[in-house]
Amino acid sequence: MTISSLFSLDEQVALVTGASRGIGKGIAVGLAGAGANLALVARSESTLIETQQEIQAIGVQAKIFPCDLSQTEVISDLVEAVSAAYGRIDILVNNAGTTHRDSAVDFPEERWDDVVRVNLKSVWLLSQQVGRGMIQRGGGKIINIASLLSFSGGIRTAAYAASKGGIAQLTKALANEWAPKGVNVNAIAPGYIKTDMTSAILNDPVRVAEFMDRIPAGQFGTPDDMAGAAVFLASEAASYIHGHILTVDGGWMAR
């Protein structure tokens, strides 16, 4: 097997949630560049058209599947629709996420539930339902999107930190069960990436300077920086990697 074939995703089918923008879009386009056909998921069909067109220009398939993952009862319908359209799901990227900032003593219960439902419960349900098919076929790749707050608590982000800590542990728990069945479950923990979720930081020169002092690479990452890590974990090159949380953070965790 050549090195190029190790990283090839030709004819693979990848389902990516939150694929309309940011990290999800960067990963989806990266997987397409390696040859995968894409099932693109976000709440609104219109927000996915740009991603779809960019992927189709590469020369692979990209189909849109609108789904609000906060409504977890529709996840089974999503998995059935993608499976019917493509025949199978080889790669699952659980990227969709949300957050809410508030002090712990004032954090609204309904917002806690919203964050945990999207960031953790939907990941569990998607992994469970897609994982069944992977186990039956004897192989598959699941990539969860963790966070630096999988390792630290953050400030005013109790629900987000709890959900992303849960993602790290869920990744390991599923890997323990499914590695013997040929299914690789791993996660990427992005550092501070230029997305809508970090816009408050990027628009504050004082905070930007503070973050730059902590990031050895001296800059925020971009969604495209996630593509290589996702292609690696989705490929045969990562076939002996199970339960790993790969930080892509410009060196933040090494500081």
Protein backbone atom coordinates (compact mmCIF):
# COMPACT_ATOMS: atom_id res chain seq x y z
CA MET A 1 0.00 0.00 0.00
CA THR A 2 1.39 3.41 -0.98
CA ILE A 3 1.37 6.43 1.30
CA SER A 4 -1.09 8.20 -0.98
CA SER A 5 -3.50 5.27 -0.85
CA LEU A 6 -3.26 5.21 2.96
CA PHE A 7 -4.77 8.69 3.06
CA SER A 8 -7.24 8.22 0.21
CA LEU A 9 -10.96 8.39 0.99
CA ASP A 10 -12.10 7.54 -2.54
CA GLU A 11 -15.69 6.28 -2.66
CA GLN A 12 -16.11 6.70 1.09
CA VAL A 13 -19.28 8.34 2.42
CA ALA A 14 -18.83 10.96 5.13
CA LEU A 15 -21.60 12.54 7.20
CA VAL A 16 -20.54 15.90 8.67
CA THR A 17 -22.77 17.84 11.05
CA GLY A 18 -22.58 21.61 11.31
CA ALA A 19 -21.14 21.66 7.79
CA SER A 20 -22.45 25.06 6.73
CA ARG A 21 -19.56 27.12 8.08
CA GLY A 22 -16.48 27.22 10.27
CA ILE A 23 -14.79 24.03 11.34
CA GLY A 24 -17.52 21.79 9.91
CA LYS A 25 -17.20 23.33 6.46
CA GLY A 26 -13.40 23.15 6.59
CA ILE A 27 -13.52 19.46 7.48
CA ALA A 28 -16.17 18.64 4.87
CA VAL A 29 -14.19 20.27 2.08
CA GLY A 30 -11.03 18.54 3.28
CA LEU A 31 -12.66 15.10 3.24
CA ALA A 32 -14.00 15.81 -0.24
CA GLY A 33 -10.50 16.72 -1.38
CA ALA A 34 -9.37 13.26 -0.27
CA GLY A 35 -12.10 11.67 -2.38
CA ALA A 36 -15.05 11.24 -0.02
CA ASN A 37 -18.67 11.86 -0.95
CA LEU A 38 -20.41 14.09 1.58
CA ALA A 39 -23.67 14.15 3.47
CA LEU A 40 -23.91 17.73 4.70
CA VAL A 41 -25.99 18.43 7.80
CA ALA A 42 -27.09 21.75 9.31
CA ARG A 43 -30.36 23.22 10.51
CA SER A 44 -31.09 25.10 7.29
CA GLU A 45 -30.72 23.85 3.72
CA SER A 46 -29.88 27.32 2.43
CA THR A 47 -26.83 27.64 4.66
CA LEU A 48 -25.34 24.46 3.14
CA ILE A 49 -25.53 25.45 -0.52
CA GLU A 50 -22.16 27.19 -0.56
CA THR A 51 -20.45 24.18 1.02
CA GLN A 52 -22.23 21.85 -1.41
CA GLN A 53 -21.14 23.86 -4.44
CA GLU A 54 -17.54 24.04 -3.26
CA ILE A 55 -17.43 20.28 -2.79
CA GLN A 56 -19.14 19.47 -6.07
CA ALA A 57 -16.52 21.61 -7.84
CA ILE A 58 -13.91 19.15 -6.50
CA GLY A 59 -15.66 16.39 -8.43
CA VAL A 60 -17.35 14.33 -5.71
CA GLN A 61 -20.94 14.10 -4.51
CA ALA A 62 -22.41 16.37 -1.86
CA LYS A 63 -26.00 16.01 -0.70
CA ILE A 64 -27.79 18.24 1.78
CA PHE A 65 -29.73 16.88 4.77
CA PRO A 66 -31.34 19.67 6.86
CA CYS A 67 -31.67 18.62 10.49
CA ASP A 68 -31.97 20.48 13.78
CA LEU A 69 -29.89 18.34 16.12
CA SER A 70 -31.44 20.02 19.16
CA GLN A 71 -34.51 17.96 18.25
CA THR A 72 -32.86 14.65 19.05
CA GLU A 73 -35.96 12.63 18.16
CA VAL A 74 -35.27 13.28 14.43
CA ILE A 75 -31.75 11.83 14.46
CA SER A 76 -32.90 8.35 13.46
CA ASP A 77 -34.68 9.88 10.45
CA LEU A 78 -31.45 11.65 9.48
CA VAL A 79 -29.40 8.45 9.63
CA GLU A 80 -32.02 6.58 7.61
CA ALA A 81 -32.14 9.34 4.97
CA VAL A 82 -28.36 9.43 4.51
CA SER A 83 -28.14 5.64 4.44
CA ALA A 84 -30.91 5.47 1.83
CA ALA A 85 -29.23 8.10 -0.34
CA TYR A 86 -25.72 6.65 -0.24
CA GLY A 87 -26.16 3.06 0.88
CA ARG A 88 -23.94 3.40 3.94
CA ILE A 89 -22.01 5.83 6.15
CA ASP A 90 -18.26 5.16 6.38
CA ILE A 91 -17.21 8.29 8.25
CA LEU A 92 -19.13 10.28 10.86
CA VAL A 93 -17.90 13.71 11.95
CA ASN A 94 -19.81 15.02 14.97
CA ASN A 95 -19.04 18.72 14.67
CA ALA A 96 -22.30 20.60 15.31
CA GLY A 97 -22.23 22.56 18.54
CA THR A 98 -23.56 25.52 20.44
CA THR A 99 -22.63 27.50 23.53
CA HIS A 100 -23.99 29.97 26.06
CA ARG A 101 -21.98 32.26 28.33
CA ASP A 102 -23.19 33.14 31.80
CA SER A 103 -21.98 32.96 35.36
CA ALA A 104 -22.52 29.56 36.96
CA VAL A 105 -24.88 30.92 39.62
CA ASP A 106 -27.09 32.56 36.99
CA PHE A 107 -26.87 29.93 34.24
CA PRO A 108 -30.45 29.22 33.00
CA GLU A 109 -31.44 25.58 33.20
CA GLU A 110 -33.00 25.64 29.73
CA ARG A 111 -29.78 26.94 28.19
CA TRP A 112 -27.79 24.24 30.01
CA ASP A 113 -30.14 21.65 28.51
CA ASP A 114 -29.80 23.19 25.03
CA VAL A 115 -26.00 23.08 25.09
CA VAL A 116 -25.74 19.56 26.46
CA ARG A 117 -28.44 18.26 24.11
CA VAL A 118 -26.67 19.54 20.96
CA ASN A 119 -23.05 19.11 22.04
CA LEU A 120 -23.26 15.74 23.79
CA LYS A 121 -26.59 13.94 23.53
CA SER A 122 -26.87 14.31 19.75
CA VAL A 123 -23.29 13.06 19.39
CA TRP A 124 -24.11 10.01 21.47
CA LEU A 125 -27.25 9.23 19.46
CA LEU A 126 -25.61 9.76 16.07
CA SER A 127 -22.62 7.65 17.07
CA GLN A 128 -24.88 4.91 18.39
CA GLN A 129 -27.08 4.76 15.30
CA VAL A 130 -24.34 5.16 12.70
CA GLY A 131 -22.08 2.89 14.74
CA ARG A 132 -24.53 0.00 14.43
CA GLY A 133 -24.07 -0.06 10.67
CA MET A 134 -20.31 0.28 10.97
CA ILE A 135 -20.15 -2.66 13.37
CA GLN A 136 -22.25 -4.78 11.03
CA ARG A 137 -19.88 -3.99 8.14
CA GLY A 138 -16.79 -4.48 10.30
CA GLY A 139 -15.36 -1.00 10.00
CA GLY A 140 -15.87 2.76 10.09
CA LYS A 141 -14.45 6.01 11.43
CA ILE A 142 -16.10 8.32 13.95
CA ILE A 143 -14.50 11.69 14.63
CA ASN A 144 -15.88 13.83 17.43
CA ILE A 145 -15.05 17.49 17.84
CA ALA A 146 -13.84 18.09 21.37
CA SER A 147 -12.32 21.35 22.64
CA LEU A 148 -9.56 22.78 24.78
CA LEU A 149 -12.34 22.90 27.37
CA SER A 150 -12.31 19.11 27.31
CA PHE A 151 -9.17 19.61 29.42
CA SER A 152 -9.86 22.85 31.31
CA GLY A 153 -12.92 24.46 32.82
CA GLY A 154 -13.01 27.86 31.16
CA ILE A 155 -14.90 30.83 32.58
CA ARG A 156 -18.65 31.45 32.22
CA THR A 157 -18.96 28.36 30.02
CA ALA A 158 -20.03 25.67 32.49
CA ALA A 159 -22.39 23.84 30.11
CA TYR A 160 -19.98 23.98 27.18
CA ALA A 161 -17.06 22.74 29.28
CA ALA A 162 -19.19 19.95 30.74
CA SER A 163 -20.39 18.88 27.30
CA LYS A 164 -16.89 18.91 25.79
CA GLY A 165 -15.45 17.06 28.76
CA GLY A 166 -18.18 14.54 28.11
CA ILE A 167 -17.16 14.31 24.44
CA ALA A 168 -13.63 13.32 25.43
CA GLN A 169 -14.88 10.59 27.76
CA LEU A 170 -17.56 9.39 25.32
CA THR A 171 -14.87 9.10 22.64
CA LYS A 172 -12.78 6.88 24.91
CA ALA A 173 -15.75 4.81 26.07
CA LEU A 174 -16.91 4.08 22.52
CA ALA A 175 -13.36 3.30 21.43
CA ASN A 176 -13.04 0.74 24.21
CA GLU A 177 -16.16 -1.07 23.01
CA TRP A 178 -15.84 -0.69 19.26
CA ALA A 179 -12.11 -1.01 18.55
CA PRO A 180 -12.37 -4.83 18.56
CA LYS A 181 -15.18 -4.50 16.01
CA GLY A 182 -13.06 -2.50 13.54
CA VAL A 183 -14.56 0.92 14.29
CA ASN A 184 -12.16 3.78 15.10
CA VAL A 185 -13.52 6.45 17.44
CA ASN A 186 -11.30 9.48 17.98
CA ALA A 187 -11.66 13.22 18.51
CA ILE A 188 -10.11 16.49 17.43
CA ALA A 189 -9.74 19.23 20.02
CA PRO A 190 -9.38 22.52 18.12
CA GLY A 191 -7.59 25.43 19.68
CA TYR A 192 -8.77 28.99 19.15
CA ILE A 193 -10.04 29.07 15.57
CA LYS A 194 -11.40 32.02 13.60
CA THR A 195 -15.12 31.19 13.62
CA ASP A 196 -18.37 32.86 14.63
CA MET A 197 -18.05 31.27 18.07
CA THR A 198 -14.77 33.12 18.75
CA SER A 199 -15.86 36.45 17.24
CA ALA A 200 -16.22 38.07 20.67
CA ILE A 201 -12.56 37.35 21.38
CA LEU A 202 -11.37 38.38 17.91
CA ASN A 203 -13.16 41.73 18.22
CA ASP A 204 -11.47 42.53 21.54
CA PRO A 205 -7.85 43.71 21.00
CA VAL A 206 -6.97 43.20 24.68
CA ARG A 207 -8.14 39.61 24.72
CA VAL A 208 -6.50 38.90 21.35
CA ALA A 209 -3.17 40.07 22.77
CA GLU A 210 -3.65 37.85 25.83
CA PHE A 211 -4.35 34.82 23.66
CA MET A 212 -1.41 35.53 21.35
CA ASP A 213 0.89 35.44 24.38
CA ARG A 214 -0.35 31.91 25.14
CA ILE A 215 -0.30 30.43 21.61
CA PRO A 216 3.23 29.40 20.57
CA ALA A 217 2.26 29.56 16.89
CA GLY A 218 1.46 33.24 17.41
CA GLN A 219 -1.88 33.23 15.61
CA PHE A 220 -5.41 31.91 15.72
CA GLY A 221 -6.13 28.87 13.55
CA THR A 222 -8.53 28.72 10.63
CA PRO A 223 -11.17 26.09 9.80
CA ASP A 224 -8.91 24.80 7.03
CA ASP A 225 -6.36 23.83 9.71
CA MET A 226 -8.76 21.10 10.83
CA ALA A 227 -8.94 19.40 7.43
CA GLY A 228 -5.65 17.52 7.60
CA ALA A 229 -6.36 16.10 11.04
CA ALA A 230 -9.82 14.96 9.95
CA VAL A 231 -8.55 13.32 6.76
CA PHE A 232 -5.86 11.53 8.78
CA LEU A 233 -8.29 10.18 11.39
CA ALA A 234 -10.77 9.18 8.69
CA SER A 235 -8.16 7.29 6.66
CA GLU A 236 -6.46 3.92 6.86
CA ALA A 237 -3.37 5.75 8.08
CA ALA A 238 -5.11 6.00 11.47
CA SER A 239 -6.36 2.41 11.58
CA TYR A 240 -4.48 1.63 14.81
CA ILE A 241 -5.53 4.84 16.60
CA HIS A 242 -8.44 4.45 19.01
CA GLY A 243 -9.78 6.78 21.71
CA HIS A 244 -7.29 9.57 21.00
CA ILE A 245 -7.99 13.29 21.49
CA LEU A 246 -5.85 15.09 18.90
CA THR A 247 -5.23 18.73 19.79
CA VAL A 248 -4.90 21.09 16.84
CA ASP A 249 -4.18 24.22 18.81
CA GLY A 250 -1.03 26.01 17.66
CA GLY A 251 0.75 24.63 20.72
CA TRP A 252 -1.68 25.98 23.35
CA MET A 253 -1.70 22.78 25.41
CA ALA A 254 2.10 22.54 25.30
CA ARG A 255 2.55 25.99 26.83
